[in-house]
């Protein structure tokens, strides 16, 4: 069996805040294999984006890895130099950020922004890099791509800006692409176009893809495997088909039940998960989901459950659920 392309082992991340240290990740472990699409799902504040930023070394001055390791292609990234991380970032690992309007530089042309990673990492002349940028815009189906190289981000629609972000991510044919909420604020039709484009292009390049999302519909259609996060921890992971057929953590079950169905009664209330996501600066004892869990037992309030294999390749961190 081949080694995973990305391996995160028992990763913990802390941030310094005015209220003291906040543990954003607590012992996160997950793997991404070559050519695989992994979806990371969970509510806001569960640690999805922090996991991605940890891989790229973009935690900022206030954040830092306090434990565990991140290996990419067999090489540890946690103790890598800033220079080496810059060589990997955008070249071997690329990221598509949540909001393209704030991620793109408003005072630089689209052509310059797409060409920069090509010029920086592939030793191309600036002229050749601009030419490659035009081809990339054509690849992501932007009309009149060559003519639009001189345009600025505000001259593109939201869907077109997201296509530009995908073009930038693909510029150096990276081994791994991380897409953080790639369809935020886009209408449903454009969402489907963007996700299909991203999936097809990564398949053609044999790149691995990590999709961070709230949308379980995205998971069902595009992911091979799913990792469910809550309170800075992985609480369940399985293949997408297995997770939908047989969810085994109360939080996953709650997320599944909150999805509206075509067979629901008109006017019926949607199912919800009671309570609010936990405050990471003041997590409850034991399992952080126990205050919201209908299956909580005394043990859940005292101990943190470990992620354990309950079925082949299906892992869960839970004491109480007996679904």
C-alpha atoms as a PDB file:
ATOM      1  CA  UNK A   1       0.000   0.000   0.000  1.00  0.00           C
ATOM      2  CA  UNK A   2       1.330   3.431  -0.978  1.00  0.00           C
ATOM      3  CA  UNK A   3       2.118   6.011   1.677  1.00  0.00           C
ATOM      4  CA  UNK A   4      -0.383   8.903   1.866  1.00  0.00           C
ATOM      5  CA  UNK A   5       0.494  12.154   0.121  1.00  0.00           C
ATOM      6  CA  UNK A   6      -0.479  14.168   3.206  1.00  0.00           C
ATOM      7  CA  UNK A   7      -0.393  12.769   6.721  1.00  0.00           C
ATOM      8  CA  UNK A   8      -1.453  14.812   9.756  1.00  0.00           C
ATOM      9  CA  UNK A   9      -0.661  13.108  13.052  1.00  0.00           C
ATOM     10  CA  UNK A  10      -2.059  14.167  16.436  1.00  0.00           C
ATOM     11  CA  UNK A  11      -1.883  17.852  15.448  1.00  0.00           C
ATOM     12  CA  UNK A  12      -2.583  20.509  18.078  1.00  0.00           C
ATOM     13  CA  UNK A  13      -2.664  24.244  17.338  1.00  0.00           C
ATOM     14  CA  UNK A  14      -2.890  27.134  19.809  1.00  0.00           C
ATOM     15  CA  UNK A  15      -3.612  30.825  19.278  1.00  0.00           C
ATOM     16  CA  UNK A  16      -2.632  33.613  21.653  1.00  0.00           C
ATOM     17  CA  UNK A  17      -5.575  35.928  22.323  1.00  0.00           C
ATOM     18  CA  UNK A  18      -6.517  38.643  24.798  1.00  0.00           C
ATOM     19  CA  UNK A  19      -8.327  35.944  26.783  1.00  0.00           C
ATOM     20  CA  UNK A  20      -5.277  33.680  26.853  1.00  0.00           C
ATOM     21  CA  UNK A  21      -4.342  30.657  24.779  1.00  0.00           C
ATOM     22  CA  UNK A  22      -7.063  29.088  22.646  1.00  0.00           C
ATOM     23  CA  UNK A  23      -6.603  25.526  21.467  1.00  0.00           C
ATOM     24  CA  UNK A  24      -8.052  25.510  17.962  1.00  0.00           C
ATOM     25  CA  UNK A  25      -6.995  21.937  17.141  1.00  0.00           C
ATOM     26  CA  UNK A  26      -6.726  19.102  19.631  1.00  0.00           C
ATOM     27  CA  UNK A  27      -5.016  15.947  18.356  1.00  0.00           C
ATOM     28  CA  UNK A  28      -6.226  16.025  14.738  1.00  0.00           C
ATOM     29  CA  UNK A  29      -5.129  13.061  12.612  1.00  0.00           C
ATOM     30  CA  UNK A  30      -6.071  12.505   8.977  1.00  0.00           C
ATOM     31  CA  UNK A  31      -4.574  11.337   5.694  1.00  0.00           C
ATOM     32  CA  UNK A  32      -4.999  12.257   2.036  1.00  0.00           C
ATOM     33  CA  UNK A  33      -3.945   9.748  -0.609  1.00  0.00           C
ATOM     34  CA  UNK A  34      -2.700  10.555  -4.101  1.00  0.00           C
ATOM     35  CA  UNK A  35      -5.549  11.348  -6.489  1.00  0.00           C
ATOM     36  CA  UNK A  36      -8.126  11.316  -3.671  1.00  0.00           C
ATOM     37  CA  UNK A  37     -10.786  13.878  -2.804  1.00  0.00           C
ATOM     38  CA  UNK A  38     -11.262  14.335   0.941  1.00  0.00           C
ATOM     39  CA  UNK A  39     -14.060  16.503   2.336  1.00  0.00           C
ATOM     40  CA  UNK A  40     -13.742  18.094   5.778  1.00  0.00           C
ATOM     41  CA  UNK A  41     -17.137  19.092   7.170  1.00  0.00           C
ATOM     42  CA  UNK A  42     -18.427  20.722  10.340  1.00  0.00           C
ATOM     43  CA  UNK A  43     -19.922  23.919  11.717  1.00  0.00           C
ATOM     44  CA  UNK A  44     -18.044  27.215  11.778  1.00  0.00           C
ATOM     45  CA  UNK A  45     -15.334  27.174  14.418  1.00  0.00           C
ATOM     46  CA  UNK A  46     -14.811  23.405  14.297  1.00  0.00           C
ATOM     47  CA  UNK A  47     -11.215  23.747  13.081  1.00  0.00           C
ATOM     48  CA  UNK A  48     -11.555  23.016   9.359  1.00  0.00           C
ATOM     49  CA  UNK A  49      -9.789  26.117   8.032  1.00  0.00           C
ATOM     50  CA  UNK A  50      -7.171  26.070  10.801  1.00  0.00           C
ATOM     51  CA  UNK A  51      -6.234  22.552   9.719  1.00  0.00           C
ATOM     52  CA  UNK A  52      -5.691  23.789   6.155  1.00  0.00           C
ATOM     53  CA  UNK A  53      -3.743  26.859   7.253  1.00  0.00           C
ATOM     54  CA  UNK A  54      -1.532  24.663   9.433  1.00  0.00           C
ATOM     55  CA  UNK A  55      -0.553  22.593   6.393  1.00  0.00           C
ATOM     56  CA  UNK A  56       0.438  25.741   4.524  1.00  0.00           C
ATOM     57  CA  UNK A  57       2.184  27.375   7.486  1.00  0.00           C
ATOM     58  CA  UNK A  58      -0.170  30.367   7.423  1.00  0.00           C
ATOM     59  CA  UNK A  59      -1.195  30.532  11.076  1.00  0.00           C
ATOM     60  CA  UNK A  60       0.251  34.034  11.537  1.00  0.00           C
ATOM     61  CA  UNK A  61       2.183  35.438  14.459  1.00  0.00           C
ATOM     62  CA  UNK A  62      -0.492  34.555  17.026  1.00  0.00           C
ATOM     63  CA  UNK A  63      -0.862  30.903  16.033  1.00  0.00           C
ATOM     64  CA  UNK A  64       1.461  27.949  16.254  1.00  0.00           C
ATOM     65  CA  UNK A  65       1.652  24.168  16.237  1.00  0.00           C
ATOM     66  CA  UNK A  66       1.940  22.965  19.838  1.00  0.00           C
ATOM     67  CA  UNK A  67       2.067  19.238  19.117  1.00  0.00           C
ATOM     68  CA  UNK A  68       1.955  16.580  16.434  1.00  0.00           C
ATOM     69  CA  UNK A  69       3.319  16.535  12.916  1.00  0.00           C
ATOM     70  CA  UNK A  70       2.371  17.244   9.306  1.00  0.00           C
ATOM     71  CA  UNK A  71       4.070  15.196   6.590  1.00  0.00           C
ATOM     72  CA  UNK A  72       3.772  15.983   2.891  1.00  0.00           C
ATOM     73  CA  UNK A  73       5.229  13.489   0.415  1.00  0.00           C
ATOM     74  CA  UNK A  74       7.123  11.918   3.308  1.00  0.00           C
ATOM     75  CA  UNK A  75       8.643  15.207   4.498  1.00  0.00           C
ATOM     76  CA  UNK A  76       7.806  16.937   7.792  1.00  0.00           C
ATOM     77  CA  UNK A  77       6.478  20.473   7.370  1.00  0.00           C
ATOM     78  CA  UNK A  78       6.159  21.483  11.030  1.00  0.00           C
ATOM     79  CA  UNK A  79       9.846  22.325  11.472  1.00  0.00           C
ATOM     80  CA  UNK A  80      10.514  23.335   7.854  1.00  0.00           C
ATOM     81  CA  UNK A  81      12.124  26.727   7.264  1.00  0.00           C
ATOM     82  CA  UNK A  82      10.029  29.640   5.997  1.00  0.00           C
ATOM     83  CA  UNK A  83      12.002  29.562   2.741  1.00  0.00           C
ATOM     84  CA  UNK A  84      11.252  25.882   2.185  1.00  0.00           C
ATOM     85  CA  UNK A  85       7.565  26.399   2.962  1.00  0.00           C
ATOM     86  CA  UNK A  86       7.446  29.159   0.333  1.00  0.00           C
ATOM     87  CA  UNK A  87       8.925  26.729  -2.195  1.00  0.00           C
ATOM     88  CA  UNK A  88       6.134  24.250  -1.457  1.00  0.00           C
ATOM     89  CA  UNK A  89       3.273  26.749  -1.056  1.00  0.00           C
ATOM     90  CA  UNK A  90       1.650  27.517  -4.406  1.00  0.00           C
ATOM     91  CA  UNK A  91       3.958  25.061  -6.118  1.00  0.00           C
ATOM     92  CA  UNK A  92       3.268  21.611  -4.647  1.00  0.00           C
ATOM     93  CA  UNK A  93       0.382  22.624  -2.352  1.00  0.00           C
ATOM     94  CA  UNK A  94      -2.106  25.254  -3.487  1.00  0.00           C
ATOM     95  CA  UNK A  95      -5.101  26.738  -1.715  1.00  0.00           C
ATOM     96  CA  UNK A  96      -8.333  28.258  -2.953  1.00  0.00           C
ATOM     97  CA  UNK A  97      -9.535  30.626  -0.240  1.00  0.00           C
ATOM     98  CA  UNK A  98     -13.110  31.270   0.850  1.00  0.00           C
ATOM     99  CA  UNK A  99     -13.788  34.681  -0.632  1.00  0.00           C
ATOM    100  CA  UNK A 100     -12.086  35.422  -3.967  1.00  0.00           C
ATOM    101  CA  UNK A 101     -12.822  39.160  -3.828  1.00  0.00           C
ATOM    102  CA  UNK A 102     -10.770  39.523  -0.651  1.00  0.00           C
ATOM    103  CA  UNK A 103      -8.148  36.963  -1.720  1.00  0.00           C
ATOM    104  CA  UNK A 104      -7.387  38.583  -5.067  1.00  0.00           C
ATOM    105  CA  UNK A 105      -5.357  41.794  -5.031  1.00  0.00           C
ATOM    106  CA  UNK A 106      -7.695  44.589  -6.199  1.00  0.00           C
ATOM    107  CA  UNK A 107      -4.876  46.745  -7.639  1.00  0.00           C
ATOM    108  CA  UNK A 108      -3.191  44.062  -9.760  1.00  0.00           C
ATOM    109  CA  UNK A 109      -4.529  42.713 -13.037  1.00  0.00           C
ATOM    110  CA  UNK A 110      -5.814  39.169 -13.228  1.00  0.00           C
ATOM    111  CA  UNK A 111      -3.017  38.309 -15.656  1.00  0.00           C
ATOM    112  CA  UNK A 112      -0.300  39.388 -13.216  1.00  0.00           C
ATOM    113  CA  UNK A 113      -1.851  37.439 -10.338  1.00  0.00           C
ATOM    114  CA  UNK A 114      -2.214  34.199 -12.298  1.00  0.00           C
ATOM    115  CA  UNK A 115       1.243  34.556 -13.887  1.00  0.00           C
ATOM    116  CA  UNK A 116       3.116  35.218 -10.634  1.00  0.00           C
ATOM    117  CA  UNK A 117       3.273  31.613  -9.327  1.00  0.00           C
ATOM    118  CA  UNK A 118       4.342  30.403 -12.785  1.00  0.00           C
ATOM    119  CA  UNK A 119       7.141  32.973 -12.930  1.00  0.00           C
ATOM    120  CA  UNK A 120       8.100  32.349  -9.306  1.00  0.00           C
ATOM    121  CA  UNK A 121       8.129  28.550  -9.219  1.00  0.00           C
ATOM    122  CA  UNK A 122       8.566  27.314 -12.799  1.00  0.00           C
ATOM    123  CA  UNK A 123      11.469  29.521 -13.902  1.00  0.00           C
ATOM    124  CA  UNK A 124       9.551  30.961 -16.836  1.00  0.00           C
ATOM    125  CA  UNK A 125      10.169  34.393 -18.304  1.00  0.00           C
ATOM    126  CA  UNK A 126       7.477  36.943 -17.486  1.00  0.00           C
ATOM    127  CA  UNK A 127       6.304  36.894 -21.115  1.00  0.00           C
ATOM    128  CA  UNK A 128       5.930  33.108 -21.066  1.00  0.00           C
ATOM    129  CA  UNK A 129       4.228  33.258 -17.657  1.00  0.00           C
ATOM    130  CA  UNK A 130       1.611  35.686 -18.992  1.00  0.00           C
ATOM    131  CA  UNK A 131       1.061  33.407 -21.986  1.00  0.00           C
ATOM    132  CA  UNK A 132       0.557  30.444 -19.617  1.00  0.00           C
ATOM    133  CA  UNK A 133      -1.844  32.552 -17.534  1.00  0.00           C
ATOM    134  CA  UNK A 134      -4.031  33.083 -20.593  1.00  0.00           C
ATOM    135  CA  UNK A 135      -4.108  29.340 -21.267  1.00  0.00           C
ATOM    136  CA  UNK A 136      -5.098  28.689 -17.656  1.00  0.00           C
ATOM    137  CA  UNK A 137      -7.989  31.138 -17.868  1.00  0.00           C
ATOM    138  CA  UNK A 138      -9.132  29.308 -20.995  1.00  0.00           C
ATOM    139  CA  UNK A 139      -8.812  26.007 -19.134  1.00  0.00           C
ATOM    140  CA  UNK A 140     -11.209  27.218 -16.418  1.00  0.00           C
ATOM    141  CA  UNK A 141     -13.679  28.367 -19.099  1.00  0.00           C
ATOM    142  CA  UNK A 142     -13.369  32.148 -18.803  1.00  0.00           C
ATOM    143  CA  UNK A 143     -14.702  33.674 -22.040  1.00  0.00           C
ATOM    144  CA  UNK A 144     -12.256  35.799 -24.085  1.00  0.00           C
ATOM    145  CA  UNK A 145      -9.492  34.739 -21.712  1.00  0.00           C
ATOM    146  CA  UNK A 146      -6.576  36.394 -23.507  1.00  0.00           C
ATOM    147  CA  UNK A 147      -8.414  39.716 -23.691  1.00  0.00           C
ATOM    148  CA  UNK A 148      -9.278  39.621 -19.991  1.00  0.00           C
ATOM    149  CA  UNK A 149      -5.708  39.266 -18.714  1.00  0.00           C
ATOM    150  CA  UNK A 150      -5.551  43.036 -18.299  1.00  0.00           C
ATOM    151  CA  UNK A 151      -8.792  43.283 -16.319  1.00  0.00           C
ATOM    152  CA  UNK A 152      -9.024  43.741 -12.541  1.00  0.00           C
ATOM    153  CA  UNK A 153     -10.926  41.566 -10.036  1.00  0.00           C
ATOM    154  CA  UNK A 154     -13.842  44.003  -9.706  1.00  0.00           C
ATOM    155  CA  UNK A 155     -14.535  43.551 -13.427  1.00  0.00           C
ATOM    156  CA  UNK A 156     -15.323  39.846 -12.901  1.00  0.00           C
ATOM    157  CA  UNK A 157     -18.439  38.263 -11.435  1.00  0.00           C
ATOM    158  CA  UNK A 158     -18.215  36.145  -8.272  1.00  0.00           C
ATOM    159  CA  UNK A 159     -18.217  32.905 -10.246  1.00  0.00           C
ATOM    160  CA  UNK A 160     -15.536  34.202 -12.642  1.00  0.00           C
ATOM    161  CA  UNK A 161     -13.358  35.324  -9.712  1.00  0.00           C
ATOM    162  CA  UNK A 162     -13.605  31.829  -8.257  1.00  0.00           C
ATOM    163  CA  UNK A 163     -12.509  30.419 -11.615  1.00  0.00           C
ATOM    164  CA  UNK A 164      -9.516  32.750 -11.496  1.00  0.00           C
ATOM    165  CA  UNK A 165      -8.642  31.382  -8.049  1.00  0.00           C
ATOM    166  CA  UNK A 166      -8.803  27.851  -9.457  1.00  0.00           C
ATOM    167  CA  UNK A 167      -6.540  28.889 -12.345  1.00  0.00           C
ATOM    168  CA  UNK A 168      -4.011  30.288  -9.845  1.00  0.00           C
ATOM    169  CA  UNK A 169      -4.175  27.077  -7.822  1.00  0.00           C
ATOM    170  CA  UNK A 170      -3.542  24.969 -10.929  1.00  0.00           C
ATOM    171  CA  UNK A 171      -0.746  27.193 -12.248  1.00  0.00           C
ATOM    172  CA  UNK A 172       2.097  24.924 -11.083  1.00  0.00           C
ATOM    173  CA  UNK A 173       0.193  21.638 -11.342  1.00  0.00           C
ATOM    174  CA  UNK A 174       0.372  21.022  -7.563  1.00  0.00           C
ATOM    175  CA  UNK A 175       0.142  17.594  -5.996  1.00  0.00           C
ATOM    176  CA  UNK A 176      -2.426  18.845  -3.466  1.00  0.00           C
ATOM    177  CA  UNK A 177      -5.151  21.490  -3.740  1.00  0.00           C
ATOM    178  CA  UNK A 178      -7.060  22.685  -0.679  1.00  0.00           C
ATOM    179  CA  UNK A 179     -10.371  24.396  -1.447  1.00  0.00           C
ATOM    180  CA  UNK A 180     -11.767  26.263   1.568  1.00  0.00           C
ATOM    181  CA  UNK A 181     -15.512  26.788   1.041  1.00  0.00           C
ATOM    182  CA  UNK A 182     -14.960  27.226  -2.725  1.00  0.00           C
ATOM    183  CA  UNK A 183     -18.618  28.008  -3.457  1.00  0.00           C
ATOM    184  CA  UNK A 184     -19.376  30.528  -0.677  1.00  0.00           C
ATOM    185  CA  UNK A 185     -21.848  33.250  -1.784  1.00  0.00           C
ATOM    186  CA  UNK A 186     -22.338  31.698  -5.242  1.00  0.00           C
ATOM    187  CA  UNK A 187     -25.751  30.713  -6.566  1.00  0.00           C
ATOM    188  CA  UNK A 188     -26.590  27.022  -6.877  1.00  0.00           C
ATOM    189  CA  UNK A 189     -25.997  26.776 -10.634  1.00  0.00           C
ATOM    190  CA  UNK A 190     -22.582  28.418 -10.414  1.00  0.00           C
ATOM    191  CA  UNK A 191     -21.699  26.250  -7.400  1.00  0.00           C
ATOM    192  CA  UNK A 192     -22.264  23.103  -9.442  1.00  0.00           C
ATOM    193  CA  UNK A 193     -20.190  24.471 -12.342  1.00  0.00           C
ATOM    194  CA  UNK A 194     -17.272  25.429 -10.091  1.00  0.00           C
ATOM    195  CA  UNK A 195     -17.209  22.113  -8.218  1.00  0.00           C
ATOM    196  CA  UNK A 196     -17.495  20.031 -11.393  1.00  0.00           C
ATOM    197  CA  UNK A 197     -14.696  22.054 -12.964  1.00  0.00           C
ATOM    198  CA  UNK A 198     -12.471  21.660  -9.917  1.00  0.00           C
ATOM    199  CA  UNK A 199     -13.110  17.918  -9.655  1.00  0.00           C
ATOM    200  CA  UNK A 200     -12.524  17.324 -13.370  1.00  0.00           C
ATOM    201  CA  UNK A 201      -9.303  19.344 -13.507  1.00  0.00           C
ATOM    202  CA  UNK A 202      -7.805  17.680 -10.435  1.00  0.00           C
ATOM    203  CA  UNK A 203      -8.708  14.286 -11.896  1.00  0.00           C
ATOM    204  CA  UNK A 204      -6.950  15.169 -15.166  1.00  0.00           C
ATOM    205  CA  UNK A 205      -3.828  16.319 -13.291  1.00  0.00           C
ATOM    206  CA  UNK A 206      -4.017  13.409 -10.778  1.00  0.00           C
ATOM    207  CA  UNK A 207      -3.909  15.998  -7.995  1.00  0.00           C
ATOM    208  CA  UNK A 208      -5.336  15.299  -4.564  1.00  0.00           C
ATOM    209  CA  UNK A 209      -8.143  17.590  -3.428  1.00  0.00           C
ATOM    210  CA  UNK A 210      -9.293  18.618   0.041  1.00  0.00           C
ATOM    211  CA  UNK A 211     -12.689  20.350   0.075  1.00  0.00           C
ATOM    212  CA  UNK A 212     -13.636  22.232   3.249  1.00  0.00           C
ATOM    213  CA  UNK A 213     -17.381  22.747   3.311  1.00  0.00           C
ATOM    214  CA  UNK A 214     -20.605  23.020   5.307  1.00  0.00           C
ATOM    215  CA  UNK A 215     -22.580  21.551   2.409  1.00  0.00           C
ATOM    216  CA  UNK A 216     -23.191  17.826   2.786  1.00  0.00           C
ATOM    217  CA  UNK A 217     -24.577  17.748  -0.748  1.00  0.00           C
ATOM    218  CA  UNK A 218     -21.110  18.666  -1.991  1.00  0.00           C
ATOM    219  CA  UNK A 219     -19.705  15.781   0.035  1.00  0.00           C
ATOM    220  CA  UNK A 220     -22.096  13.233  -1.468  1.00  0.00           C
ATOM    221  CA  UNK A 221     -21.318  14.168  -5.033  1.00  0.00           C
ATOM    222  CA  UNK A 222     -17.617  14.983  -5.101  1.00  0.00           C
ATOM    223  CA  UNK A 223     -15.744  13.373  -2.180  1.00  0.00           C
ATOM    224  CA  UNK A 224     -14.189   9.921  -1.862  1.00  0.00           C
ATOM    225  CA  UNK A 225     -13.778  10.182   1.920  1.00  0.00           C
ATOM    226  CA  UNK A 226     -15.135  12.490   4.621  1.00  0.00           C
ATOM    227  CA  UNK A 227     -13.713  13.746   7.914  1.00  0.00           C
ATOM    228  CA  UNK A 228     -16.248  15.310  10.308  1.00  0.00           C
ATOM    229  CA  UNK A 229     -14.834  17.910  12.731  1.00  0.00           C
ATOM    230  CA  UNK A 230     -16.242  19.320  15.960  1.00  0.00           C
ATOM    231  CA  UNK A 231     -14.578  21.442  18.628  1.00  0.00           C
ATOM    232  CA  UNK A 232     -11.124  21.174  17.043  1.00  0.00           C
ATOM    233  CA  UNK A 233     -11.195  17.368  16.772  1.00  0.00           C
ATOM    234  CA  UNK A 234     -12.026  14.735  14.169  1.00  0.00           C
ATOM    235  CA  UNK A 235     -15.134  12.918  15.438  1.00  0.00           C
ATOM    236  CA  UNK A 236     -15.817  10.600  12.503  1.00  0.00           C
ATOM    237  CA  UNK A 237     -14.193   9.619   9.221  1.00  0.00           C
ATOM    238  CA  UNK A 238     -15.279   7.159   6.536  1.00  0.00           C
ATOM    239  CA  UNK A 239     -15.878   6.877   2.814  1.00  0.00           C
ATOM    240  CA  UNK A 240     -18.571   9.258   1.585  1.00  0.00           C
ATOM    241  CA  UNK A 241     -20.884   6.383   0.678  1.00  0.00           C
ATOM    242  CA  UNK A 242     -20.410   4.697   4.066  1.00  0.00           C
ATOM    243  CA  UNK A 243     -20.918   7.934   5.999  1.00  0.00           C
ATOM    244  CA  UNK A 244     -24.226   8.649   4.281  1.00  0.00           C
ATOM    245  CA  UNK A 245     -25.423   5.081   4.600  1.00  0.00           C
ATOM    246  CA  UNK A 246     -24.315   4.518   8.179  1.00  0.00           C
ATOM    247  CA  UNK A 247     -23.339   7.633  10.197  1.00  0.00           C
ATOM    248  CA  UNK A 248     -22.006   6.579  13.599  1.00  0.00           C
ATOM    249  CA  UNK A 249     -21.458   9.795  15.565  1.00  0.00           C
ATOM    250  CA  UNK A 250     -24.389  11.784  17.032  1.00  0.00           C
ATOM    251  CA  UNK A 251     -23.013  14.997  15.531  1.00  0.00           C
ATOM    252  CA  UNK A 252     -22.822  13.457  12.046  1.00  0.00           C
ATOM    253  CA  UNK A 253     -26.354  12.110  12.484  1.00  0.00           C
ATOM    254  CA  UNK A 254     -27.511  15.601  13.489  1.00  0.00           C
ATOM    255  CA  UNK A 255     -25.905  17.145  10.406  1.00  0.00           C
ATOM    256  CA  UNK A 256     -27.529  14.534   8.166  1.00  0.00           C
ATOM    257  CA  UNK A 257     -30.951  15.019   9.735  1.00  0.00           C
ATOM    258  CA  UNK A 258     -30.780  18.787   9.264  1.00  0.00           C
ATOM    259  CA  UNK A 259     -30.709  18.448   5.472  1.00  0.00           C
ATOM    260  CA  UNK A 260     -34.118  19.205   3.905  1.00  0.00           C
ATOM    261  CA  UNK A 261     -35.456  16.373   1.741  1.00  0.00           C
ATOM    262  CA  UNK A 262     -37.685  16.264  -1.308  1.00  0.00           C
ATOM    263  CA  UNK A 263     -40.111  14.068   0.609  1.00  0.00           C
ATOM    264  CA  UNK A 264     -40.595  16.422   3.567  1.00  0.00           C
ATOM    265  CA  UNK A 265     -43.998  17.837   4.361  1.00  0.00           C
ATOM    266  CA  UNK A 266     -44.581  21.419   3.178  1.00  0.00           C
ATOM    267  CA  UNK A 267     -44.248  23.843   6.089  1.00  0.00           C
ATOM    268  CA  UNK A 268     -42.651  21.256   8.386  1.00  0.00           C
ATOM    269  CA  UNK A 269     -39.843  22.468  10.651  1.00  0.00           C
ATOM    270  CA  UNK A 270     -36.313  21.353   9.868  1.00  0.00           C
ATOM    271  CA  UNK A 271     -34.489  19.209  12.368  1.00  0.00           C
ATOM    272  CA  UNK A 272     -31.771  21.059  14.271  1.00  0.00           C
ATOM    273  CA  UNK A 273     -28.925  20.295  16.648  1.00  0.00           C
ATOM    274  CA  UNK A 274     -29.767  21.932  19.964  1.00  0.00           C
ATOM    275  CA  UNK A 275     -27.403  24.482  21.477  1.00  0.00           C
ATOM    276  CA  UNK A 276     -24.409  26.262  19.997  1.00  0.00           C
ATOM    277  CA  UNK A 277     -20.914  25.195  18.893  1.00  0.00           C
ATOM    278  CA  UNK A 278     -18.458  25.266  21.817  1.00  0.00           C
ATOM    279  CA  UNK A 279     -16.301  28.239  22.776  1.00  0.00           C
ATOM    280  CA  UNK A 280     -12.764  27.033  22.032  1.00  0.00           C
ATOM    281  CA  UNK A 281     -11.401  29.204  24.832  1.00  0.00           C
ATOM    282  CA  UNK A 282     -13.678  27.444  27.325  1.00  0.00           C
ATOM    283  CA  UNK A 283     -14.353  23.912  26.099  1.00  0.00           C
ATOM    284  CA  UNK A 284     -16.520  21.628  28.236  1.00  0.00           C
ATOM    285  CA  UNK A 285     -14.865  18.694  29.972  1.00  0.00           C
ATOM    286  CA  UNK A 286     -14.790  15.318  28.297  1.00  0.00           C
ATOM    287  CA  UNK A 287     -16.356  15.097  24.846  1.00  0.00           C
ATOM    288  CA  UNK A 288     -16.978  18.657  23.669  1.00  0.00           C
ATOM    289  CA  UNK A 289     -20.244  17.591  21.999  1.00  0.00           C
ATOM    290  CA  UNK A 290     -21.849  16.190  25.169  1.00  0.00           C
ATOM    291  CA  UNK A 291     -23.825  19.389  26.089  1.00  0.00           C
ATOM    292  CA  UNK A 292     -25.698  19.062  22.758  1.00  0.00           C
ATOM    293  CA  UNK A 293     -25.819  15.276  22.509  1.00  0.00           C
ATOM    294  CA  UNK A 294     -29.077  13.347  23.173  1.00  0.00           C
ATOM    295  CA  UNK A 295     -27.054  10.164  23.787  1.00  0.00           C
ATOM    296  CA  UNK A 296     -24.585  11.607  26.339  1.00  0.00           C
ATOM    297  CA  UNK A 297     -23.544   9.361  29.224  1.00  0.00           C
ATOM    298  CA  UNK A 298     -21.659  10.248  32.424  1.00  0.00           C
ATOM    299  CA  UNK A 299     -18.463   8.958  30.796  1.00  0.00           C
ATOM    300  CA  UNK A 300     -18.880  11.507  27.968  1.00  0.00           C
ATOM    301  CA  UNK A 301     -18.640  14.352  30.492  1.00  0.00           C
ATOM    302  CA  UNK A 302     -15.444  13.021  32.050  1.00  0.00           C
ATOM    303  CA  UNK A 303     -13.252  11.619  29.246  1.00  0.00           C
ATOM    304  CA  UNK A 304     -12.392  12.515  25.657  1.00  0.00           C
ATOM    305  CA  UNK A 305     -13.223   9.599  23.368  1.00  0.00           C
ATOM    306  CA  UNK A 306     -10.450   8.431  21.030  1.00  0.00           C
ATOM    307  CA  UNK A 307     -10.939   8.003  17.298  1.00  0.00           C
ATOM    308  CA  UNK A 308     -11.312   4.239  16.912  1.00  0.00           C
ATOM    309  CA  UNK A 309     -12.122   1.934  14.002  1.00  0.00           C
ATOM    310  CA  UNK A 310     -15.622   0.500  14.469  1.00  0.00           C
ATOM    311  CA  UNK A 311     -16.044  -0.885  10.931  1.00  0.00           C
ATOM    312  CA  UNK A 312     -13.417  -1.392   8.212  1.00  0.00           C
ATOM    313  CA  UNK A 313     -12.029   2.091   7.383  1.00  0.00           C
ATOM    314  CA  UNK A 314     -14.791   3.742   9.439  1.00  0.00           C
ATOM    315  CA  UNK A 315     -13.576   5.592  12.531  1.00  0.00           C
ATOM    316  CA  UNK A 316     -15.528   7.297  15.320  1.00  0.00           C
ATOM    317  CA  UNK A 317     -14.773   9.161  18.561  1.00  0.00           C
ATOM    318  CA  UNK A 318     -17.802   8.466  20.745  1.00  0.00           C
ATOM    319  CA  UNK A 319     -18.841   6.576  23.880  1.00  0.00           C
ATOM    320  CA  UNK A 320     -22.596   6.868  23.766  1.00  0.00           C
ATOM    321  CA  UNK A 321     -24.151   6.461  20.320  1.00  0.00           C
ATOM    322  CA  UNK A 322     -25.655   3.064  19.507  1.00  0.00           C
ATOM    323  CA  UNK A 323     -27.170   3.707  16.095  1.00  0.00           C
END
